[in-house]
Amino acid sequence: MKPNVVVIKEQDNVAVALEDIPGGGVVAVPGGDEFPAREKIPYSHKVALSDIPSGCTVRKYGESIGCASLDIRKGAWVHTHNLTVEAGPS
């Protein structure tokens, strides 16, 4: 399947959706990894590439964008409801 998210840096734990991805739809990562979206991921929003425990740093484009305010599961939408701007442990 053609990738439908973009990942810039190897250390990123979120990717950015290149299209709307429906809940249960396939998240196709460059390099071949595929997994289901746990919920709808809107175009240009973030999706978790792995489980991110509460308090851990969320990385996008190789940079910290905050920390998980609760446990985030692989395939979940990452947005203001589960992300704070405080930096957490890597």
Protein backbone atom coordinates (compact mmCIF):
# COMPACT_ATOMS: atom_id res chain seq x y z
CA MET A 1 0.00 0.00 0.00
CA LYS A 2 1.21 3.53 -0.79
CA PRO A 3 2.25 5.47 2.37
CA ASN A 4 -0.47 7.77 3.71
CA VAL A 5 1.62 9.36 6.49
CA VAL A 6 4.96 11.14 6.58
CA VAL A 7 7.76 10.48 9.06
CA ILE A 8 10.75 12.84 8.90
CA LYS A 9 13.19 11.52 11.52
CA GLU A 10 13.88 7.98 12.73
CA GLN A 11 13.31 9.02 16.37
CA ASP A 12 9.79 10.36 15.66
CA ASN A 13 7.03 8.52 17.54
CA VAL A 14 4.24 10.24 15.59
CA ALA A 15 3.60 10.60 11.88
CA VAL A 16 1.54 13.19 10.00
CA ALA A 17 -1.44 12.03 7.95
CA LEU A 18 -1.31 12.90 4.25
CA GLU A 19 -5.06 12.23 3.94
CA ASP A 20 -8.03 11.57 6.20
CA ILE A 21 -7.63 8.07 7.65
CA PRO A 22 -10.86 6.52 8.93
CA GLY A 23 -11.03 4.71 12.25
CA GLY A 24 -10.04 1.12 11.54
CA GLY A 25 -8.39 2.20 8.29
CA VAL A 26 -4.80 1.37 7.47
CA VAL A 27 -1.95 3.65 8.52
CA ALA A 28 0.74 2.96 5.90
CA VAL A 29 4.19 4.17 6.99
CA PRO A 30 7.02 4.71 4.51
CA GLY A 31 9.19 1.60 4.63
CA GLY A 32 6.25 -0.80 4.71
CA ASP A 33 4.89 -0.84 8.28
CA GLU A 34 1.08 -0.92 8.33
CA PHE A 35 -1.30 -0.90 11.29
CA PRO A 36 -4.93 0.09 11.97
CA ALA A 37 -5.95 3.59 13.00
CA ARG A 38 -7.69 3.37 16.40
CA GLU A 39 -9.89 6.36 15.47
CA LYS A 40 -10.27 8.85 12.64
CA ILE A 41 -7.00 10.67 11.91
CA PRO A 42 -7.76 13.94 10.09
CA TYR A 43 -5.55 15.13 7.23
CA SER A 44 -2.36 16.82 8.57
CA HIS A 45 -2.94 15.54 12.12
CA LYS A 46 -0.65 13.23 14.07
CA VAL A 47 -0.95 9.48 14.59
CA ALA A 48 1.08 7.50 17.14
CA LEU A 49 3.62 5.15 15.57
CA SER A 50 4.07 3.24 18.83
CA ASP A 51 2.61 3.18 22.32
CA ILE A 52 3.59 6.41 24.13
CA PRO A 53 3.28 6.18 27.92
CA SER A 54 1.83 9.10 29.86
CA GLY A 55 4.52 11.67 30.62
CA CYS A 56 6.84 10.65 27.77
CA THR A 57 8.06 12.97 25.06
CA VAL A 58 6.17 13.13 21.77
CA ARG A 59 8.51 13.68 18.82
CA LYS A 60 7.54 15.02 15.40
CA TYR A 61 10.02 16.03 12.69
CA GLY A 62 12.82 15.06 15.10
CA GLU A 63 11.76 17.61 17.72
CA SER A 64 9.91 17.40 21.01
CA ILE A 65 6.41 18.84 20.63
CA GLY A 66 5.36 18.10 24.22
CA CYS A 67 4.53 15.07 26.29
CA ALA A 68 1.72 12.58 26.46
CA SER A 69 -0.88 13.66 29.04
CA LEU A 70 -2.17 10.06 29.16
CA ASP A 71 -1.17 6.72 27.68
CA ILE A 72 -1.39 6.89 23.89
CA ARG A 73 -1.73 3.63 21.96
CA LYS A 74 -0.18 2.91 18.59
CA GLY A 75 -2.59 4.09 15.88
CA ALA A 76 -4.28 6.72 18.07
CA TRP A 77 -4.89 10.33 17.08
CA VAL A 78 -2.41 12.61 18.87
CA HIS A 79 -3.79 16.08 19.52
CA THR A 80 -4.61 18.51 22.35
CA HIS A 81 -6.76 15.92 24.18
CA ASN A 82 -3.72 13.72 24.92
CA LEU A 83 -0.70 16.04 24.48
CA THR A 84 0.70 18.83 26.65
CA VAL A 85 3.42 21.30 25.74
CA GLU A 86 5.54 20.29 28.73
CA ALA A 87 8.62 18.26 27.83
CA GLY A 88 8.83 14.82 29.39
CA PRO A 89 11.49 12.10 29.53
CA SER A 90 12.62 10.67 26.21
